[in-house]
């Protein structure tokens, strides 16, 4: 993709991916799911996960998997509220950009 992805958009995408998993999901799967929309490396995504955890948008827990711990991420109520804000803002933003691309004039 030729467009840069800012921090807010990455946060929104990660929250959307994690919110789709009721019991949470783990980092590698989050990376794979995010990559369906945008190209991103794991080294880019893990700081996003840590920031969202620090901001209390995600909670973290460990679970055994094949004899080792796997870190899971689950969206919090605060994360749900933030995701709803991102969805609302994205809808307005996308409509404005689409109007410009289609030759419209913004009011």
PDB file of N, CA and C in Angstrom:
ATOM      1  N   UNK A   1       0.848  -1.174   0.000  1.00  0.00           N
ATOM      2  CA  UNK A   1       0.000   0.000   0.000  1.00  0.00           C
ATOM      3  C   UNK A   1       0.890   1.232   0.000  1.00  0.00           C
ATOM      4  N   UNK A   2       0.507   2.231  -0.741  1.00  0.00           N
ATOM      5  CA  UNK A   2       1.337   3.417  -0.874  1.00  0.00           C
ATOM      6  C   UNK A   2       1.089   4.448   0.224  1.00  0.00           C
ATOM      7  N   UNK A   3       0.048   4.271   1.018  1.00  0.00           N
ATOM      8  CA  UNK A   3      -0.271   5.235   2.069  1.00  0.00           C
ATOM      9  C   UNK A   3       0.379   4.828   3.374  1.00  0.00           C
ATOM     10  N   UNK A   4       0.920   5.824   4.087  1.00  0.00           N
ATOM     11  CA  UNK A   4       1.488   5.554   5.406  1.00  0.00           C
ATOM     12  C   UNK A   4       0.370   5.297   6.409  1.00  0.00           C
ATOM     13  N   UNK A   5       0.670   4.463   7.385  1.00  0.00           N
ATOM     14  CA  UNK A   5      -0.299   4.140   8.424  1.00  0.00           C
ATOM     15  C   UNK A   5       0.166   4.788   9.718  1.00  0.00           C
ATOM     16  N   UNK A   6      -0.593   5.752  10.207  1.00  0.00           N
ATOM     17  CA  UNK A   6      -0.248   6.442  11.434  1.00  0.00           C
ATOM     18  C   UNK A   6      -0.590   5.623  12.659  1.00  0.00           C
ATOM     19  N   UNK A   7      -0.144   6.116  13.809  1.00  0.00           N
ATOM     20  CA  UNK A   7      -0.339   5.404  15.073  1.00  0.00           C
ATOM     21  C   UNK A   7      -1.813   5.209  15.399  1.00  0.00           C
ATOM     22  N   UNK A   8      -2.634   6.225  15.189  1.00  0.00           N
ATOM     23  CA  UNK A   8      -4.057   6.106  15.521  1.00  0.00           C
ATOM     24  C   UNK A   8      -4.733   5.049  14.668  1.00  0.00           C
ATOM     25  N   UNK A   9      -4.382   5.004  13.386  1.00  0.00           N
ATOM     26  CA  UNK A   9      -4.984   3.999  12.510  1.00  0.00           C
ATOM     27  C   UNK A   9      -4.528   2.595  12.907  1.00  0.00           C
ATOM     28  N   UNK A  10      -3.264   2.445  13.249  1.00  0.00           N
ATOM     29  CA  UNK A  10      -2.781   1.143  13.717  1.00  0.00           C
ATOM     30  C   UNK A  10      -3.502   0.722  14.995  1.00  0.00           C
ATOM     31  N   UNK A  11      -3.666   1.649  15.920  1.00  0.00           N
ATOM     32  CA  UNK A  11      -4.402   1.349  17.151  1.00  0.00           C
ATOM     33  C   UNK A  11      -5.807   0.878  16.822  1.00  0.00           C
ATOM     34  N   UNK A  12      -6.477   1.596  15.927  1.00  0.00           N
ATOM     35  CA  UNK A  12      -7.850   1.261  15.557  1.00  0.00           C
ATOM     36  C   UNK A  12      -7.932  -0.125  14.927  1.00  0.00           C
ATOM     37  N   UNK A  13      -7.001  -0.429  14.039  1.00  0.00           N
ATOM     38  CA  UNK A  13      -7.011  -1.731  13.366  1.00  0.00           C
ATOM     39  C   UNK A  13      -6.773  -2.849  14.374  1.00  0.00           C
ATOM     40  N   UNK A  14      -5.804  -2.666  15.262  1.00  0.00           N
ATOM     41  CA  UNK A  14      -5.515  -3.695  16.271  1.00  0.00           C
ATOM     42  C   UNK A  14      -6.714  -3.894  17.195  1.00  0.00           C
ATOM     43  N   UNK A  15      -7.316  -2.807  17.646  1.00  0.00           N
ATOM     44  CA  UNK A  15      -8.489  -2.934  18.509  1.00  0.00           C
ATOM     45  C   UNK A  15      -9.623  -3.658  17.782  1.00  0.00           C
ATOM     46  N   UNK A  16      -9.815  -3.353  16.506  1.00  0.00           N
ATOM     47  CA  UNK A  16     -10.859  -4.025  15.730  1.00  0.00           C
ATOM     48  C   UNK A  16     -10.591  -5.519  15.626  1.00  0.00           C
ATOM     49  N   UNK A  17      -9.340  -5.887  15.373  1.00  0.00           N
ATOM     50  CA  UNK A  17      -8.978  -7.301  15.262  1.00  0.00           C
ATOM     51  C   UNK A  17      -9.191  -8.014  16.593  1.00  0.00           C
ATOM     52  N   UNK A  18      -8.698  -7.426  17.666  1.00  0.00           N
ATOM     53  CA  UNK A  18      -8.812  -8.064  18.985  1.00  0.00           C
ATOM     54  C   UNK A  18     -10.271  -8.135  19.430  1.00  0.00           C
ATOM     55  N   UNK A  19     -11.063  -7.126  19.092  1.00  0.00           N
ATOM     56  CA  UNK A  19     -12.471  -7.120  19.517  1.00  0.00           C
ATOM     57  C   UNK A  19     -13.271  -8.249  18.871  1.00  0.00           C
ATOM     58  N   UNK A  20     -12.785  -8.774  17.768  1.00  0.00           N
ATOM     59  CA  UNK A  20     -13.467  -9.867  17.088  1.00  0.00           C
ATOM     60  C   UNK A  20     -13.292 -11.211  17.769  1.00  0.00           C
ATOM     61  N   UNK A  21     -12.444 -11.271  18.778  1.00  0.00           N
ATOM     62  CA  UNK A  21     -12.171 -12.516  19.500  1.00  0.00           C
ATOM     63  C   UNK A  21     -12.629 -12.352  20.942  1.00  0.00           C
ATOM     64  N   UNK A  22     -13.757 -12.947  21.283  1.00  0.00           N
ATOM     65  CA  UNK A  22     -14.361 -12.757  22.605  1.00  0.00           C
ATOM     66  C   UNK A  22     -13.404 -13.083  23.752  1.00  0.00           C
ATOM     67  N   UNK A  23     -12.656 -14.154  23.633  1.00  0.00           N
ATOM     68  CA  UNK A  23     -11.746 -14.581  24.699  1.00  0.00           C
ATOM     69  C   UNK A  23     -10.326 -14.084  24.500  1.00  0.00           C
ATOM     70  N   UNK A  24     -10.146 -13.213  23.552  1.00  0.00           N
ATOM     71  CA  UNK A  24      -8.816 -12.688  23.295  1.00  0.00           C
ATOM     72  C   UNK A  24      -8.098 -13.472  22.214  1.00  0.00           C
ATOM     73  N   UNK A  25      -6.956 -12.961  21.826  1.00  0.00           N
ATOM     74  CA  UNK A  25      -6.155 -13.592  20.791  1.00  0.00           C
ATOM     75  C   UNK A  25      -4.686 -13.274  21.054  1.00  0.00           C
ATOM     76  N   UNK A  26      -3.802 -13.981  20.406  1.00  0.00           N
ATOM     77  CA  UNK A  26      -2.373 -13.838  20.676  1.00  0.00           C
ATOM     78  C   UNK A  26      -1.679 -13.045  19.569  1.00  0.00           C
ATOM     79  N   UNK A  27      -0.489 -12.571  19.899  1.00  0.00           N
ATOM     80  CA  UNK A  27       0.231 -11.645  19.044  1.00  0.00           C
ATOM     81  C   UNK A  27       0.428 -12.083  17.611  1.00  0.00           C
ATOM     82  N   UNK A  28       0.864 -13.313  17.382  1.00  0.00           N
ATOM     83  CA  UNK A  28       1.118 -13.760  16.010  1.00  0.00           C
ATOM     84  C   UNK A  28      -0.162 -13.738  15.183  1.00  0.00           C
ATOM     85  N   UNK A  29      -1.266 -14.184  15.778  1.00  0.00           N
ATOM     86  CA  UNK A  29      -2.547 -14.190  15.060  1.00  0.00           C
ATOM     87  C   UNK A  29      -3.004 -12.760  14.786  1.00  0.00           C
ATOM     88  N   UNK A  30      -2.786 -11.868  15.737  1.00  0.00           N
ATOM     89  CA  UNK A  30      -3.132 -10.457  15.517  1.00  0.00           C
ATOM     90  C   UNK A  30      -2.353  -9.933  14.311  1.00  0.00           C
ATOM     91  N   UNK A  31      -1.063 -10.242  14.258  1.00  0.00           N
ATOM     92  CA  UNK A  31      -0.226  -9.810  13.134  1.00  0.00           C
ATOM     93  C   UNK A  31      -0.779 -10.324  11.816  1.00  0.00           C
ATOM     94  N   UNK A  32      -1.127 -11.607  11.763  1.00  0.00           N
ATOM     95  CA  UNK A  32      -1.659 -12.198  10.536  1.00  0.00           C
ATOM     96  C   UNK A  32      -2.980 -11.541  10.127  1.00  0.00           C
ATOM     97  N   UNK A  33      -3.850 -11.291  11.102  1.00  0.00           N
ATOM     98  CA  UNK A  33      -5.143 -10.663  10.806  1.00  0.00           C
ATOM     99  C   UNK A  33      -4.974  -9.228  10.326  1.00  0.00           C
ATOM    100  N   UNK A  34      -4.066  -8.482  10.959  1.00  0.00           N
ATOM    101  CA  UNK A  34      -3.815  -7.100  10.542  1.00  0.00           C
ATOM    102  C   UNK A  34      -3.247  -7.077   9.128  1.00  0.00           C
ATOM    103  N   UNK A  35      -2.395  -8.040   8.811  1.00  0.00           N
ATOM    104  CA  UNK A  35      -1.772  -8.095   7.483  1.00  0.00           C
ATOM    105  C   UNK A  35      -2.780  -8.341   6.367  1.00  0.00           C
ATOM    106  N   UNK A  36      -3.974  -8.769   6.702  1.00  0.00           N
ATOM    107  CA  UNK A  36      -5.010  -8.907   5.670  1.00  0.00           C
ATOM    108  C   UNK A  36      -5.441  -7.533   5.159  1.00  0.00           C
ATOM    109  N   UNK A  37      -5.268  -6.501   5.990  1.00  0.00           N
ATOM    110  CA  UNK A  37      -5.664  -5.148   5.606  1.00  0.00           C
ATOM    111  C   UNK A  37      -4.469  -4.303   5.176  1.00  0.00           C
ATOM    112  N   UNK A  38      -3.366  -4.381   5.935  1.00  0.00           N
ATOM    113  CA  UNK A  38      -2.185  -3.567   5.642  1.00  0.00           C
ATOM    114  C   UNK A  38      -0.933  -4.400   5.878  1.00  0.00           C
ATOM    115  N   UNK A  39       0.150  -4.003   5.249  1.00  0.00           N
ATOM    116  CA  UNK A  39       1.421  -4.681   5.475  1.00  0.00           C
ATOM    117  C   UNK A  39       2.072  -4.085   6.709  1.00  0.00           C
ATOM    118  N   UNK A  40       2.359  -4.936   7.668  1.00  0.00           N
ATOM    119  CA  UNK A  40       2.949  -4.484   8.922  1.00  0.00           C
ATOM    120  C   UNK A  40       3.824  -5.604   9.475  1.00  0.00           C
ATOM    121  N   UNK A  41       4.921  -5.225  10.097  1.00  0.00           N
ATOM    122  CA  UNK A  41       5.816  -6.227  10.669  1.00  0.00           C
ATOM    123  C   UNK A  41       5.468  -6.459  12.136  1.00  0.00           C
ATOM    124  N   UNK A  42       5.901  -7.593  12.640  1.00  0.00           N
ATOM    125  CA  UNK A  42       5.683  -7.880  14.059  1.00  0.00           C
ATOM    126  C   UNK A  42       6.395  -6.840  14.919  1.00  0.00           C
ATOM    127  N   UNK A  43       7.553  -6.383  14.473  1.00  0.00           N
ATOM    128  CA  UNK A  43       8.305  -5.402  15.263  1.00  0.00           C
ATOM    129  C   UNK A  43       7.573  -4.059  15.332  1.00  0.00           C
ATOM    130  N   UNK A  44       6.686  -3.799  14.402  1.00  0.00           N
ATOM    131  CA  UNK A  44       5.849  -2.600  14.456  1.00  0.00           C
ATOM    132  C   UNK A  44       4.647  -2.833  15.355  1.00  0.00           C
ATOM    133  N   UNK A  45       4.102  -4.034  15.308  1.00  0.00           N
ATOM    134  CA  UNK A  45       2.852  -4.320  16.001  1.00  0.00           C
ATOM    135  C   UNK A  45       2.994  -4.484  17.508  1.00  0.00           C
ATOM    136  N   UNK A  46       4.074  -5.080  17.974  1.00  0.00           N
ATOM    137  CA  UNK A  46       4.199  -5.313  19.412  1.00  0.00           C
ATOM    138  C   UNK A  46       4.266  -4.022  20.236  1.00  0.00           C
ATOM    139  N   UNK A  47       4.924  -2.963  19.767  1.00  0.00           N
ATOM    140  CA  UNK A  47       4.828  -1.698  20.511  1.00  0.00           C
ATOM    141  C   UNK A  47       3.394  -1.151  20.557  1.00  0.00           C
ATOM    142  N   UNK A  48       2.621  -1.378  19.499  1.00  0.00           N
ATOM    143  CA  UNK A  48       1.215  -0.960  19.489  1.00  0.00           C
ATOM    144  C   UNK A  48       0.450  -1.722  20.569  1.00  0.00           C
ATOM    145  N   UNK A  49       0.685  -3.021  20.659  1.00  0.00           N
ATOM    146  CA  UNK A  49       0.019  -3.829  21.686  1.00  0.00           C
ATOM    147  C   UNK A  49       0.390  -3.351  23.087  1.00  0.00           C
ATOM    148  N   UNK A  50       1.664  -3.048  23.296  1.00  0.00           N
ATOM    149  CA  UNK A  50       2.098  -2.559  24.610  1.00  0.00           C
ATOM    150  C   UNK A  50       1.471  -1.198  24.940  1.00  0.00           C
ATOM    151  N   UNK A  51       1.409  -0.329  23.939  1.00  0.00           N
ATOM    152  CA  UNK A  51       0.808   0.995  24.160  1.00  0.00           C
ATOM    153  C   UNK A  51      -0.676   0.860  24.494  1.00  0.00           C
ATOM    154  N   UNK A  52      -1.389  -0.005  23.785  1.00  0.00           N
ATOM    155  CA  UNK A  52      -2.811  -0.198  24.056  1.00  0.00           C
ATOM    156  C   UNK A  52      -3.031  -0.826  25.432  1.00  0.00           C
ATOM    157  N   UNK A  53      -2.105  -1.667  25.836  1.00  0.00           N
ATOM    158  CA  UNK A  53      -2.183  -2.239  27.189  1.00  0.00           C
ATOM    159  C   UNK A  53      -1.943  -1.146  28.229  1.00  0.00           C
ATOM    160  N   UNK A  54      -0.944  -0.330  28.004  1.00  0.00           N
ATOM    161  CA  UNK A  54      -0.620   0.765  28.928  1.00  0.00           C
ATOM    162  C   UNK A  54      -1.789   1.742  29.050  1.00  0.00           C
ATOM    163  N   UNK A  55      -2.488   1.984  27.934  1.00  0.00           N
ATOM    164  CA  UNK A  55      -3.633   2.892  27.909  1.00  0.00           C
ATOM    165  C   UNK A  55      -4.921   2.231  28.410  1.00  0.00           C
ATOM    166  N   UNK A  56      -4.798   1.003  28.891  1.00  0.00           N
ATOM    167  CA  UNK A  56      -5.917   0.221  29.441  1.00  0.00           C
ATOM    168  C   UNK A  56      -7.002  -0.085  28.414  1.00  0.00           C
ATOM    169  N   UNK A  57      -6.597  -0.175  27.153  1.00  0.00           N
ATOM    170  CA  UNK A  57      -7.524  -0.575  26.091  1.00  0.00           C
ATOM    171  C   UNK A  57      -7.489  -2.082  25.866  1.00  0.00           C
ATOM    172  N   UNK A  58      -6.375  -2.687  26.255  1.00  0.00           N
ATOM    173  CA  UNK A  58      -6.218  -4.139  26.163  1.00  0.00           C
ATOM    174  C   UNK A  58      -5.772  -4.676  27.509  1.00  0.00           C
ATOM    175  N   UNK A  59      -6.260  -5.872  27.833  1.00  0.00           N
ATOM    176  CA  UNK A  59      -5.723  -6.582  28.991  1.00  0.00           C
ATOM    177  C   UNK A  59      -4.970  -7.793  28.469  1.00  0.00           C
ATOM    178  N   UNK A  60      -3.989  -8.212  29.233  1.00  0.00           N
ATOM    179  CA  UNK A  60      -3.085  -9.270  28.809  1.00  0.00           C
ATOM    180  C   UNK A  60      -3.134 -10.409  29.808  1.00  0.00           C
ATOM    181  N   UNK A  61      -3.107 -11.628  29.284  1.00  0.00           N
ATOM    182  CA  UNK A  61      -2.987 -12.789  30.150  1.00  0.00           C
ATOM    183  C   UNK A  61      -2.202 -13.867  29.403  1.00  0.00           C
ATOM    184  N   UNK A  62      -1.569 -14.741  30.161  1.00  0.00           N
ATOM    185  CA  UNK A  62      -0.785 -15.828  29.573  1.00  0.00           C
ATOM    186  C   UNK A  62      -1.532 -17.140  29.734  1.00  0.00           C
ATOM    187  N   UNK A  63      -1.361 -18.017  28.737  1.00  0.00           N
ATOM    188  CA  UNK A  63      -1.967 -19.336  28.767  1.00  0.00           C
ATOM    189  C   UNK A  63      -0.983 -20.340  28.184  1.00  0.00           C
ATOM    190  N   UNK A  64      -1.011 -21.545  28.715  1.00  0.00           N
ATOM    191  CA  UNK A  64      -0.153 -22.608  28.201  1.00  0.00           C
ATOM    192  C   UNK A  64      -0.604 -23.040  26.812  1.00  0.00           C
ATOM    193  N   UNK A  65       0.351 -23.227  25.911  1.00  0.00           N
ATOM    194  CA  UNK A  65       0.076 -23.740  24.583  1.00  0.00           C
ATOM    195  C   UNK A  65       1.288 -24.533  24.136  1.00  0.00           C
ATOM    196  N   UNK A  66       1.100 -25.812  23.891  1.00  0.00           N
ATOM    197  CA  UNK A  66       2.203 -26.702  23.475  1.00  0.00           C
ATOM    198  C   UNK A  66       3.405 -26.607  24.410  1.00  0.00           C
ATOM    199  N   UNK A  67       3.141 -26.579  25.710  1.00  0.00           N
ATOM    200  CA  UNK A  67       4.203 -26.606  26.694  1.00  0.00           C
ATOM    201  C   UNK A  67       4.888 -25.280  26.976  1.00  0.00           C
ATOM    202  N   UNK A  68       4.374 -24.205  26.422  1.00  0.00           N
ATOM    203  CA  UNK A  68       4.966 -22.900  26.712  1.00  0.00           C
ATOM    204  C   UNK A  68       3.863 -21.866  26.864  1.00  0.00           C
ATOM    205  N   UNK A  69       4.208 -20.752  27.477  1.00  0.00           N
ATOM    206  CA  UNK A  69       3.226 -19.689  27.668  1.00  0.00           C
ATOM    207  C   UNK A  69       3.011 -18.916  26.377  1.00  0.00           C
ATOM    208  N   UNK A  70       1.769 -18.593  26.137  1.00  0.00           N
ATOM    209  CA  UNK A  70       1.425 -17.738  25.006  1.00  0.00           C
ATOM    210  C   UNK A  70       0.686 -16.536  25.585  1.00  0.00           C
ATOM    211  N   UNK A  71       1.079 -15.352  25.177  1.00  0.00           N
ATOM    212  CA  UNK A  71       0.465 -14.116  25.676  1.00  0.00           C
ATOM    213  C   UNK A  71      -0.773 -13.786  24.838  1.00  0.00           C
ATOM    214  N   UNK A  72      -1.884 -13.582  25.529  1.00  0.00           N
ATOM    215  CA  UNK A  72      -3.151 -13.250  24.887  1.00  0.00           C
ATOM    216  C   UNK A  72      -3.541 -11.821  25.210  1.00  0.00           C
ATOM    217  N   UNK A  73      -4.266 -11.220  24.293  1.00  0.00           N
ATOM    218  CA  UNK A  73      -4.749  -9.849  24.438  1.00  0.00           C
ATOM    219  C   UNK A  73      -6.266  -9.861  24.290  1.00  0.00           C
ATOM    220  N   UNK A  74      -6.935  -9.140  25.193  1.00  0.00           N
ATOM    221  CA  UNK A  74      -8.392  -9.049  25.164  1.00  0.00           C
ATOM    222  C   UNK A  74      -8.769  -7.568  25.317  1.00  0.00           C
ATOM    223  N   UNK A  75      -9.757  -7.138  24.550  1.00  0.00           N
ATOM    224  CA  UNK A  75     -10.178  -5.739  24.609  1.00  0.00           C
ATOM    225  C   UNK A  75     -10.925  -5.474  25.916  1.00  0.00           C
ATOM    226  N   UNK A  76     -10.718  -4.299  26.467  1.00  0.00           N
ATOM    227  CA  UNK A  76     -11.364  -3.885  27.712  1.00  0.00           C
ATOM    228  C   UNK A  76     -12.553  -2.975  27.375  1.00  0.00           C
ATOM    229  N   UNK A  77     -13.388  -2.666  28.357  1.00  0.00           N
ATOM    230  CA  UNK A  77     -14.459  -1.694  28.096  1.00  0.00           C
ATOM    231  C   UNK A  77     -13.915  -0.348  27.595  1.00  0.00           C
ATOM    232  N   UNK A  78     -12.802   0.074  28.150  1.00  0.00           N
ATOM    233  CA  UNK A  78     -12.181   1.321  27.673  1.00  0.00           C
ATOM    234  C   UNK A  78     -11.736   1.173  26.217  1.00  0.00           C
ATOM    235  N   UNK A  79     -11.215   0.003  25.866  1.00  0.00           N
ATOM    236  CA  UNK A  79     -10.816  -0.266  24.487  1.00  0.00           C
ATOM    237  C   UNK A  79     -12.005  -0.280  23.548  1.00  0.00           C
ATOM    238  N   UNK A  80     -13.125  -0.835  24.003  1.00  0.00           N
ATOM    239  CA  UNK A  80     -14.358  -0.837  23.195  1.00  0.00           C
ATOM    240  C   UNK A  80     -14.816   0.593  22.929  1.00  0.00           C
ATOM    241  N   UNK A  81     -14.773   1.441  23.962  1.00  0.00           N
ATOM    242  CA  UNK A  81     -15.170   2.840  23.794  1.00  0.00           C
ATOM    243  C   UNK A  81     -14.244   3.542  22.800  1.00  0.00           C
ATOM    244  N   UNK A  82     -12.944   3.282  22.916  1.00  0.00           N
ATOM    245  CA  UNK A  82     -11.980   3.894  21.994  1.00  0.00           C
ATOM    246  C   UNK A  82     -12.219   3.400  20.571  1.00  0.00           C
ATOM    247  N   UNK A  83     -12.487   2.110  20.418  1.00  0.00           N
ATOM    248  CA  UNK A  83     -12.760   1.545  19.097  1.00  0.00           C
ATOM    249  C   UNK A  83     -14.010   2.180  18.496  1.00  0.00           C
ATOM    250  N   UNK A  84     -15.044   2.389  19.284  1.00  0.00           N
ATOM    251  CA  UNK A  84     -16.256   3.038  18.777  1.00  0.00           C
ATOM    252  C   UNK A  84     -15.962   4.459  18.301  1.00  0.00           C
ATOM    253  N   UNK A  85     -15.112   5.171  19.039  1.00  0.00           N
ATOM    254  CA  UNK A  85     -14.702   6.511  18.608  1.00  0.00           C
ATOM    255  C   UNK A  85     -13.944   6.434  17.279  1.00  0.00           C
ATOM    256  N   UNK A  86     -13.003   5.504  17.191  1.00  0.00           N
ATOM    257  CA  UNK A  86     -12.248   5.331  15.940  1.00  0.00           C
ATOM    258  C   UNK A  86     -13.184   5.011  14.780  1.00  0.00           C
ATOM    259  N   UNK A  87     -14.158   4.139  15.002  1.00  0.00           N
ATOM    260  CA  UNK A  87     -15.103   3.776  13.922  1.00  0.00           C
ATOM    261  C   UNK A  87     -15.868   4.997  13.438  1.00  0.00           C
ATOM    262  N   UNK A  88     -16.346   5.791  14.373  1.00  0.00           N
ATOM    263  CA  UNK A  88     -17.097   6.998  14.032  1.00  0.00           C
ATOM    264  C   UNK A  88     -16.233   7.975  13.251  1.00  0.00           C
ATOM    265  N   UNK A  89     -15.028   8.214  13.748  1.00  0.00           N
ATOM    266  CA  UNK A  89     -14.114   9.142  13.083  1.00  0.00           C
ATOM    267  C   UNK A  89     -13.693   8.617  11.708  1.00  0.00           C
ATOM    268  N   UNK A  90     -13.456   7.319  11.614  1.00  0.00           N
ATOM    269  CA  UNK A  90     -13.043   6.726  10.339  1.00  0.00           C
ATOM    270  C   UNK A  90     -14.139   6.896   9.295  1.00  0.00           C
ATOM    271  N   UNK A  91     -15.382   6.690   9.689  1.00  0.00           N
ATOM    272  CA  UNK A  91     -16.492   6.811   8.750  1.00  0.00           C
ATOM    273  C   UNK A  91     -16.543   8.228   8.171  1.00  0.00           C
ATOM    274  N   UNK A  92     -16.412   9.234   9.029  1.00  0.00           N
ATOM    275  CA  UNK A  92     -16.432  10.624   8.550  1.00  0.00           C
ATOM    276  C   UNK A  92     -15.229  10.901   7.645  1.00  0.00           C
ATOM    277  N   UNK A  93     -14.072  10.439   8.058  1.00  0.00           N
ATOM    278  CA  UNK A  93     -12.839  10.650   7.303  1.00  0.00           C
ATOM    279  C   UNK A  93     -12.930   9.989   5.925  1.00  0.00           C
ATOM    280  N   UNK A  94     -13.356   8.720   5.898  1.00  0.00           N
ATOM    281  CA  UNK A  94     -13.443   7.978   4.640  1.00  0.00           C
ATOM    282  C   UNK A  94     -14.438   8.625   3.685  1.00  0.00           C
ATOM    283  N   UNK A  95     -15.554   9.115   4.213  1.00  0.00           N
ATOM    284  CA  UNK A  95     -16.547   9.778   3.363  1.00  0.00           C
ATOM    285  C   UNK A  95     -15.959  11.034   2.729  1.00  0.00           C
ATOM    286  N   UNK A  96     -15.218  11.820   3.505  1.00  0.00           N
ATOM    287  CA  UNK A  96     -14.620  13.049   2.975  1.00  0.00           C
ATOM    288  C   UNK A  96     -13.564  12.751   1.913  1.00  0.00           C
ATOM    289  N   UNK A  97     -12.714  11.788   2.186  1.00  0.00           N
ATOM    290  CA  UNK A  97     -11.669  11.440   1.216  1.00  0.00           C
ATOM    291  C   UNK A  97     -12.284  10.869  -0.050  1.00  0.00           C
ATOM    292  N   UNK A  98     -13.274   9.999   0.085  1.00  0.00           N
ATOM    293  CA  UNK A  98     -13.946   9.432  -1.092  1.00  0.00           C
ATOM    294  C   UNK A  98     -14.592  10.530  -1.922  1.00  0.00           C
ATOM    295  N   UNK A  99     -15.208  11.501  -1.257  1.00  0.00           N
ATOM    296  CA  UNK A  99     -15.827  12.612  -1.989  1.00  0.00           C
ATOM    297  C   UNK A  99     -14.776  13.389  -2.783  1.00  0.00           C
ATOM    298  N   UNK A 100     -13.630  13.619  -2.178  1.00  0.00           N
ATOM    299  CA  UNK A 100     -12.563  14.327  -2.896  1.00  0.00           C
ATOM    300  C   UNK A 100     -12.060  13.527  -4.086  1.00  0.00           C
ATOM    301  N   UNK A 101     -11.851  12.235  -3.897  1.00  0.00           N
ATOM    302  CA  UNK A 101     -11.370  11.383  -4.989  1.00  0.00           C
ATOM    303  C   UNK A 101     -12.374  11.305  -6.126  1.00  0.00           C
ATOM    304  N   UNK A 102     -13.639  11.436  -5.791  1.00  0.00           N
ATOM    305  CA  UNK A 102     -14.694  11.342  -6.807  1.00  0.00           C
ATOM    306  C   UNK A 102     -15.038  12.701  -7.383  1.00  0.00           C
ATOM    307  N   UNK A 103     -14.244  13.719  -7.079  1.00  0.00           N
ATOM    308  CA  UNK A 103     -14.426  15.044  -7.667  1.00  0.00           C
ATOM    309  C   UNK A 103     -15.425  15.907  -6.944  1.00  0.00           C
ATOM    310  N   UNK A 104     -15.832  15.509  -5.773  1.00  0.00           N
ATOM    311  CA  UNK A 104     -16.793  16.303  -5.026  1.00  0.00           C
ATOM    312  C   UNK A 104     -16.134  17.452  -4.289  1.00  0.00           C
ATOM    313  N   UNK A 105     -16.951  18.322  -3.811  1.00  0.00           N
ATOM    314  CA  UNK A 105     -16.486  19.471  -3.032  1.00  0.00           C
ATOM    315  C   UNK A 105     -16.972  19.290  -1.622  1.00  0.00           C
ATOM    316  N   UNK A 106     -16.082  19.476  -0.666  1.00  0.00           N
ATOM    317  CA  UNK A 106     -16.449  19.333   0.740  1.00  0.00           C
ATOM    318  C   UNK A 106     -17.124  20.600   1.224  1.00  0.00           C
ATOM    319  N   UNK A 107     -18.097  20.405   2.096  1.00  0.00           N
ATOM    320  CA  UNK A 107     -18.757  21.584   2.671  1.00  0.00           C
ATOM    321  C   UNK A 107     -18.342  21.785   4.095  1.00  0.00           C
TER     322      UNK A 107
END
